[in-house]
Amino acid sequence: MDVNELLAYQNMLQKTLKKEEQTDRKIDFLSIINQLTYGPKNLVQKEQVMVEALSHGFTEKEADRLLHELIKENIIFEPSSGYIKKK
């Protein structure tokens, strides 16, 4: 292997690890939502999710990004302003 091949391989590994880390963070964030949703309606205030996420080491920016990603992926939705619900 030459140096360019090694660098390409190293870059690929870094991208893979970063993607896995992002997936782990998304799972952790979804776990917070799961813990906060209870009852037949499975509703939770977005603000409550944000506060809990911050207490678990998420930044506000990261939590907001993950919230929007989960909505985009149809895992959760916003049935009314300020509330989220699992699908």
Protein backbone atom coordinates (compact mmCIF):
# COMPACT_ATOMS: atom_id res chain seq x y z
CA MET A 1 0.00 0.00 0.00
CA ASP A 2 1.21 3.44 -0.76
CA VAL A 3 0.68 6.55 1.33
CA ASN A 4 -2.33 7.74 -0.70
CA GLU A 5 -4.13 4.43 -0.22
CA LEU A 6 -3.45 4.54 3.51
CA LEU A 7 -4.75 8.11 3.74
CA ALA A 8 -7.88 7.18 1.79
CA TYR A 9 -8.47 4.21 4.09
CA GLN A 10 -7.93 6.36 7.18
CA ASN A 11 -10.44 8.95 5.88
CA MET A 12 -12.99 6.22 5.21
CA LEU A 13 -12.58 4.88 8.77
CA GLN A 14 -12.97 8.35 10.25
CA LYS A 15 -16.18 8.95 8.29
CA THR A 16 -17.55 5.56 9.38
CA LEU A 17 -16.75 6.23 13.03
CA LYS A 18 -18.32 9.69 12.89
CA LYS A 19 -21.49 8.26 11.33
CA GLU A 20 -21.68 5.57 14.03
CA GLU A 21 -21.20 8.19 16.73
CA GLN A 22 -24.02 10.31 15.27
CA THR A 23 -26.29 7.26 15.16
CA ASP A 24 -25.49 6.51 18.81
CA ARG A 25 -26.34 10.09 19.78
CA LYS A 26 -29.62 9.89 17.88
CA ILE A 27 -30.50 6.67 19.71
CA ASP A 28 -29.65 8.30 23.06
CA PHE A 29 -31.85 11.29 22.17
CA LEU A 30 -34.72 9.02 21.13
CA SER A 31 -34.35 7.15 24.43
CA ILE A 32 -34.91 10.43 26.25
CA ILE A 33 -38.09 10.97 24.25
CA ASN A 34 -39.21 7.41 25.01
CA GLN A 35 -38.67 7.95 28.73
CA LEU A 36 -40.68 11.17 28.70
CA THR A 37 -43.62 9.92 26.66
CA TYR A 38 -46.13 7.91 28.57
CA GLY A 39 -49.82 7.24 28.50
CA PRO A 40 -52.00 6.52 25.51
CA LYS A 41 -51.23 9.79 23.75
CA ASN A 42 -47.40 9.54 23.88
CA LEU A 43 -47.18 13.36 23.94
CA VAL A 44 -44.34 15.34 25.43
CA GLN A 45 -43.50 19.02 25.42
CA LYS A 46 -40.53 19.89 23.22
CA GLU A 47 -39.18 22.09 25.99
CA GLN A 48 -39.19 19.16 28.41
CA VAL A 49 -37.24 17.05 25.91
CA MET A 50 -34.73 19.86 25.42
CA VAL A 51 -34.21 20.33 29.17
CA GLU A 52 -33.70 16.60 29.69
CA ALA A 53 -31.34 16.38 26.69
CA LEU A 54 -29.23 19.23 28.06
CA SER A 55 -28.99 17.45 31.41
CA HIS A 56 -27.71 14.37 29.53
CA GLY A 57 -24.85 16.28 27.90
CA PHE A 58 -26.44 17.31 24.60
CA THR A 59 -25.92 20.86 23.43
CA GLU A 60 -28.97 22.89 22.54
CA LYS A 61 -27.85 22.97 18.91
CA GLU A 62 -27.34 19.19 18.79
CA ALA A 63 -30.70 18.47 20.46
CA ASP A 64 -32.48 20.80 18.06
CA ARG A 65 -30.76 19.17 15.08
CA LEU A 66 -31.69 15.68 16.27
CA LEU A 67 -35.27 16.74 16.89
CA HIS A 68 -35.55 17.99 13.31
CA GLU A 69 -33.87 14.84 11.94
CA LEU A 70 -36.31 12.58 13.78
CA ILE A 71 -39.23 14.61 12.45
CA LYS A 72 -37.81 14.45 8.92
CA GLU A 73 -37.37 10.67 9.26
CA ASN A 74 -41.02 10.33 10.40
CA ILE A 75 -40.04 8.80 13.73
CA ILE A 76 -41.72 11.61 15.64
CA PHE A 77 -44.05 14.44 14.63
CA GLU A 78 -45.42 17.68 16.00
CA PRO A 79 -49.20 17.25 16.41
CA SER A 80 -49.55 20.72 17.93
CA SER A 81 -47.20 23.60 18.52
CA GLY A 82 -44.72 22.87 21.28
CA TYR A 83 -45.48 19.15 21.55
CA ILE A 84 -44.00 16.07 19.94
CA LYS A 85 -45.38 12.59 19.60
CA LYS A 86 -43.91 9.26 18.56
CA LYS A 87 -45.31 7.60 15.46
